[in-house]
N, C-alpha and C. Protein backbone atom coordinates (compact mmCIF):
# COMPACT_ATOMS: atom_id res chain seq x y z
N MET A 1 31.42 -27.55 -21.14
CA MET A 1 31.40 -26.10 -21.22
C MET A 1 32.80 -25.60 -20.92
N GLU A 2 33.28 -24.76 -21.78
CA GLU A 2 34.60 -24.17 -21.59
C GLU A 2 34.45 -22.71 -21.18
N ILE A 3 35.22 -22.34 -20.17
CA ILE A 3 35.21 -20.96 -19.71
C ILE A 3 36.63 -20.42 -19.87
N SER A 4 36.72 -19.29 -20.53
CA SER A 4 38.05 -18.72 -20.76
C SER A 4 38.63 -18.21 -19.44
N PHE A 5 39.94 -18.11 -19.40
CA PHE A 5 40.64 -17.67 -18.19
C PHE A 5 40.17 -16.29 -17.75
N GLU A 6 39.93 -15.39 -18.70
CA GLU A 6 39.49 -14.03 -18.37
C GLU A 6 38.14 -14.04 -17.65
N ASN A 7 37.29 -14.97 -18.06
CA ASN A 7 35.96 -15.04 -17.46
C ASN A 7 35.95 -15.71 -16.09
N LEU A 8 36.99 -16.46 -15.76
CA LEU A 8 37.07 -17.07 -14.43
C LEU A 8 37.10 -16.00 -13.34
N LYS A 9 37.74 -14.88 -13.63
CA LYS A 9 37.80 -13.79 -12.65
C LYS A 9 36.42 -13.21 -12.38
N LYS A 10 35.56 -13.28 -13.37
CA LYS A 10 34.22 -12.71 -13.24
C LYS A 10 33.29 -13.57 -12.37
N ILE A 11 33.65 -14.84 -12.19
CA ILE A 11 32.81 -15.73 -11.39
C ILE A 11 32.68 -15.23 -9.96
N ASP A 12 33.78 -14.77 -9.38
CA ASP A 12 33.73 -14.23 -8.01
C ASP A 12 32.81 -13.02 -7.93
N ILE A 13 32.86 -12.16 -8.94
CA ILE A 13 31.99 -10.97 -8.97
C ILE A 13 30.53 -11.39 -9.08
N ILE A 14 30.27 -12.38 -9.93
CA ILE A 14 28.90 -12.87 -10.10
C ILE A 14 28.38 -13.47 -8.79
N LEU A 15 29.21 -14.24 -8.11
CA LEU A 15 28.81 -14.84 -6.83
C LEU A 15 28.52 -13.76 -5.78
N GLU A 16 29.34 -12.73 -5.73
CA GLU A 16 29.11 -11.63 -4.79
C GLU A 16 27.77 -10.95 -5.07
N LYS A 17 27.49 -10.72 -6.34
CA LYS A 17 26.23 -10.07 -6.71
C LYS A 17 25.04 -10.96 -6.38
N LEU A 18 25.16 -12.26 -6.61
CA LEU A 18 24.09 -13.18 -6.25
C LEU A 18 23.83 -13.18 -4.75
N GLU A 19 24.89 -13.21 -3.97
CA GLU A 19 24.75 -13.17 -2.51
C GLU A 19 24.10 -11.87 -2.07
N SER A 20 24.47 -10.77 -2.70
CA SER A 20 23.88 -9.48 -2.38
C SER A 20 22.38 -9.48 -2.68
N LEU A 21 22.01 -10.04 -3.83
CA LEU A 21 20.59 -10.12 -4.18
C LEU A 21 19.82 -11.01 -3.21
N GLU A 22 20.41 -12.14 -2.83
CA GLU A 22 19.77 -13.03 -1.86
C GLU A 22 19.54 -12.31 -0.53
N ASN A 23 20.53 -11.55 -0.09
CA ASN A 23 20.40 -10.81 1.17
C ASN A 23 19.29 -9.77 1.08
N LYS A 24 19.23 -9.07 -0.05
CA LYS A 24 18.18 -8.06 -0.22
C LYS A 24 16.80 -8.69 -0.23
N ILE A 25 16.67 -9.81 -0.91
CA ILE A 25 15.37 -10.49 -0.99
C ILE A 25 14.95 -10.99 0.38
N SER A 26 15.87 -11.60 1.11
CA SER A 26 15.51 -12.17 2.42
C SER A 26 15.26 -11.10 3.47
N SER A 27 15.85 -9.92 3.31
CA SER A 27 15.66 -8.87 4.31
C SER A 27 14.51 -7.93 3.95
N GLU A 28 13.95 -8.08 2.75
CA GLU A 28 12.87 -7.19 2.34
C GLU A 28 11.61 -7.49 3.15
N LYS A 29 10.95 -6.45 3.54
CA LYS A 29 9.79 -6.54 4.39
C LYS A 29 8.57 -7.00 3.58
N ARG A 30 7.87 -8.03 4.06
CA ARG A 30 6.69 -8.51 3.35
C ARG A 30 5.42 -7.82 3.83
N TRP A 31 5.33 -7.52 5.11
CA TRP A 31 4.10 -6.95 5.67
C TRP A 31 4.26 -5.45 5.83
N LEU A 32 3.30 -4.69 5.30
CA LEU A 32 3.36 -3.24 5.30
C LEU A 32 2.18 -2.66 6.06
N ASN A 33 2.44 -1.62 6.87
CA ASN A 33 1.32 -0.91 7.48
C ASN A 33 0.74 0.03 6.42
N THR A 34 -0.31 0.77 6.79
CA THR A 34 -0.99 1.62 5.82
C THR A 34 -0.06 2.68 5.23
N LYS A 35 0.75 3.30 6.07
CA LYS A 35 1.67 4.32 5.59
C LYS A 35 2.69 3.73 4.61
N GLU A 36 3.24 2.58 4.96
CA GLU A 36 4.21 1.93 4.08
C GLU A 36 3.57 1.47 2.77
N ALA A 37 2.34 0.95 2.86
CA ALA A 37 1.63 0.52 1.65
C ALA A 37 1.33 1.71 0.74
N SER A 38 0.99 2.85 1.34
CA SER A 38 0.71 4.03 0.52
C SER A 38 1.98 4.51 -0.19
N HIS A 39 3.08 4.48 0.51
CA HIS A 39 4.36 4.86 -0.09
C HIS A 39 4.75 3.86 -1.18
N TYR A 40 4.58 2.59 -0.90
CA TYR A 40 4.96 1.53 -1.84
C TYR A 40 4.15 1.61 -3.13
N LEU A 41 2.83 1.85 -3.01
CA LEU A 41 1.97 1.89 -4.19
C LEU A 41 1.87 3.27 -4.81
N GLY A 42 2.30 4.28 -4.07
CA GLY A 42 2.25 5.64 -4.60
C GLY A 42 0.88 6.29 -4.47
N TYR A 43 0.09 5.83 -3.52
CA TYR A 43 -1.23 6.39 -3.25
C TYR A 43 -1.21 7.06 -1.88
N SER A 44 -2.19 7.92 -1.65
CA SER A 44 -2.33 8.51 -0.32
C SER A 44 -2.86 7.43 0.64
N GLN A 45 -2.72 7.69 1.93
CA GLN A 45 -3.23 6.74 2.91
C GLN A 45 -4.75 6.63 2.82
N GLU A 46 -5.40 7.74 2.50
CA GLU A 46 -6.86 7.73 2.35
C GLU A 46 -7.26 6.83 1.18
N HIS A 47 -6.50 6.92 0.09
CA HIS A 47 -6.81 6.09 -1.08
C HIS A 47 -6.57 4.61 -0.77
N ILE A 48 -5.55 4.32 0.03
CA ILE A 48 -5.30 2.94 0.44
C ILE A 48 -6.50 2.40 1.22
N HIS A 49 -7.07 3.23 2.10
CA HIS A 49 -8.26 2.80 2.85
C HIS A 49 -9.44 2.57 1.91
N LYS A 50 -9.60 3.42 0.89
CA LYS A 50 -10.68 3.21 -0.09
C LYS A 50 -10.46 1.91 -0.86
N LEU A 51 -9.22 1.66 -1.25
CA LEU A 51 -8.92 0.40 -1.94
C LEU A 51 -9.24 -0.79 -1.04
N LYS A 52 -8.86 -0.68 0.22
CA LYS A 52 -9.11 -1.75 1.17
C LYS A 52 -10.60 -2.02 1.29
N ASP A 53 -11.38 -0.96 1.36
CA ASP A 53 -12.82 -1.11 1.54
C ASP A 53 -13.53 -1.60 0.28
N ASN A 54 -13.02 -1.24 -0.90
CA ASN A 54 -13.75 -1.51 -2.14
C ASN A 54 -13.14 -2.57 -3.05
N HIS A 55 -11.85 -2.81 -2.96
CA HIS A 55 -11.21 -3.69 -3.94
C HIS A 55 -10.39 -4.82 -3.33
N LEU A 56 -9.78 -4.58 -2.20
CA LEU A 56 -8.89 -5.58 -1.62
C LEU A 56 -9.68 -6.54 -0.74
N ILE A 57 -9.17 -7.75 -0.62
CA ILE A 57 -9.86 -8.80 0.11
C ILE A 57 -9.14 -9.05 1.44
N GLU A 58 -9.92 -8.95 2.52
CA GLU A 58 -9.34 -9.25 3.84
C GLU A 58 -8.99 -10.73 3.89
N GLY A 59 -7.85 -11.03 4.45
CA GLY A 59 -7.37 -12.40 4.51
C GLY A 59 -6.52 -12.78 3.31
N LYS A 60 -6.51 -11.92 2.31
CA LYS A 60 -5.66 -12.16 1.14
C LYS A 60 -4.70 -10.99 0.94
N HIS A 61 -5.25 -9.80 0.73
CA HIS A 61 -4.42 -8.62 0.50
C HIS A 61 -4.01 -7.94 1.79
N TYR A 62 -4.83 -8.07 2.82
CA TYR A 62 -4.51 -7.44 4.10
C TYR A 62 -5.09 -8.26 5.24
N PHE A 63 -4.54 -8.04 6.42
CA PHE A 63 -4.98 -8.73 7.62
C PHE A 63 -5.11 -7.70 8.74
N LYS A 64 -6.06 -7.94 9.62
CA LYS A 64 -6.19 -7.10 10.81
C LYS A 64 -5.57 -7.87 11.97
N LYS A 65 -4.64 -7.19 12.64
CA LYS A 65 -3.95 -7.85 13.76
C LYS A 65 -3.77 -6.83 14.87
N ALA A 66 -4.35 -7.11 16.01
CA ALA A 66 -4.22 -6.27 17.20
C ALA A 66 -4.58 -4.81 16.89
N GLY A 67 -5.67 -4.61 16.15
CA GLY A 67 -6.12 -3.26 15.84
C GLY A 67 -5.35 -2.59 14.72
N ARG A 68 -4.41 -3.29 14.13
CA ARG A 68 -3.62 -2.73 13.02
C ARG A 68 -3.98 -3.46 11.73
N ILE A 69 -3.80 -2.77 10.63
CA ILE A 69 -4.01 -3.37 9.32
C ILE A 69 -2.63 -3.57 8.69
N LEU A 70 -2.35 -4.80 8.30
CA LEU A 70 -1.09 -5.13 7.66
C LEU A 70 -1.37 -5.65 6.25
N PHE A 71 -0.71 -5.04 5.28
CA PHE A 71 -0.90 -5.41 3.88
C PHE A 71 0.20 -6.37 3.46
N ASP A 72 -0.18 -7.38 2.70
CA ASP A 72 0.77 -8.36 2.18
C ASP A 72 1.36 -7.81 0.88
N LYS A 73 2.64 -7.51 0.90
CA LYS A 73 3.31 -6.89 -0.25
C LYS A 73 3.23 -7.77 -1.50
N ILE A 74 3.36 -9.07 -1.31
CA ILE A 74 3.30 -9.99 -2.46
C ILE A 74 1.92 -9.96 -3.10
N GLU A 75 0.87 -9.98 -2.27
CA GLU A 75 -0.49 -9.95 -2.81
C GLU A 75 -0.81 -8.59 -3.41
N LEU A 76 -0.26 -7.51 -2.85
CA LEU A 76 -0.45 -6.19 -3.47
C LEU A 76 0.19 -6.16 -4.85
N ASP A 77 1.38 -6.74 -4.97
CA ASP A 77 2.03 -6.82 -6.28
C ASP A 77 1.17 -7.59 -7.28
N ASN A 78 0.63 -8.72 -6.84
CA ASN A 78 -0.23 -9.52 -7.72
C ASN A 78 -1.48 -8.76 -8.11
N TRP A 79 -2.06 -8.04 -7.15
CA TRP A 79 -3.27 -7.26 -7.42
C TRP A 79 -2.98 -6.17 -8.45
N VAL A 80 -1.85 -5.48 -8.30
CA VAL A 80 -1.49 -4.43 -9.26
C VAL A 80 -1.30 -5.02 -10.65
N LYS A 81 -0.59 -6.14 -10.74
CA LYS A 81 -0.36 -6.78 -12.04
C LYS A 81 -1.68 -7.17 -12.69
N TYR A 82 -2.57 -7.78 -11.90
CA TYR A 82 -3.86 -8.21 -12.43
C TYR A 82 -4.70 -7.00 -12.85
N SER A 83 -4.70 -5.96 -12.02
CA SER A 83 -5.49 -4.76 -12.31
C SER A 83 -5.01 -4.09 -13.59
N LEU A 84 -3.71 -4.00 -13.77
CA LEU A 84 -3.17 -3.36 -14.97
C LEU A 84 -3.52 -4.15 -16.23
N ASN A 85 -3.59 -5.47 -16.11
CA ASN A 85 -3.94 -6.29 -17.27
C ASN A 85 -5.41 -6.16 -17.63
N GLN A 86 -6.24 -5.78 -16.66
CA GLN A 86 -7.68 -5.70 -16.89
C GLN A 86 -8.13 -4.35 -17.42
N LEU A 87 -7.33 -3.31 -17.24
CA LEU A 87 -7.72 -1.96 -17.63
C LEU A 87 -7.07 -1.56 -18.94
N ASN A 88 -7.79 -0.76 -19.69
CA ASN A 88 -7.17 -0.17 -20.87
C ASN A 88 -6.72 1.25 -20.50
N PRO A 89 -5.89 1.88 -21.29
CA PRO A 89 -5.35 3.21 -20.95
C PRO A 89 -6.42 4.26 -20.68
N LYS A 90 -7.53 4.20 -21.40
CA LYS A 90 -8.61 5.17 -21.19
C LYS A 90 -9.20 5.02 -19.79
N GLN A 91 -9.42 3.78 -19.36
CA GLN A 91 -9.95 3.54 -18.03
C GLN A 91 -8.98 4.01 -16.95
N ILE A 92 -7.70 3.80 -17.17
CA ILE A 92 -6.69 4.23 -16.20
C ILE A 92 -6.72 5.75 -16.06
N ALA A 93 -6.75 6.45 -17.19
CA ALA A 93 -6.78 7.92 -17.17
C ALA A 93 -8.05 8.42 -16.48
N GLU A 94 -9.19 7.81 -16.79
CA GLU A 94 -10.45 8.22 -16.15
C GLU A 94 -10.41 7.98 -14.65
N SER A 95 -9.82 6.87 -14.24
CA SER A 95 -9.72 6.56 -12.82
C SER A 95 -8.84 7.57 -12.09
N ILE A 96 -7.73 7.94 -12.70
CA ILE A 96 -6.83 8.93 -12.09
C ILE A 96 -7.52 10.27 -11.98
N LEU A 97 -8.20 10.68 -13.04
CA LEU A 97 -8.90 11.97 -13.02
C LEU A 97 -10.01 11.97 -11.98
N LYS A 98 -10.72 10.86 -11.86
CA LYS A 98 -11.80 10.76 -10.88
C LYS A 98 -11.26 10.93 -9.47
N ASP A 99 -10.10 10.33 -9.19
CA ASP A 99 -9.50 10.44 -7.86
C ASP A 99 -8.98 11.84 -7.57
N LEU A 100 -8.62 12.57 -8.61
CA LEU A 100 -8.12 13.93 -8.42
C LEU A 100 -9.23 14.93 -8.14
N ILE A 101 -10.42 14.64 -8.63
CA ILE A 101 -11.54 15.59 -8.49
C ILE A 101 -12.21 15.46 -7.14
């Protein structure tokens, strides 16, 4: 593989950006309380509690620890991805309207 002289200067920039991304990933919070989960998902705290009671699985999506509920951000991401793949646009619109009423 040949790299031109001009592109050698860019290697340092690429390495800096990679290190920055690694730092962001390692410092990102995995466990969210109810308020943080509501902000992260864009739902009200009340809706997060409804999701917890009706759709999320204890021990997978959330854990109870010392009287607090902690949501696993990775599992919430997986749940959102799976949920979006299972719904069609009409169901999504109906669900949003139902929650507004």
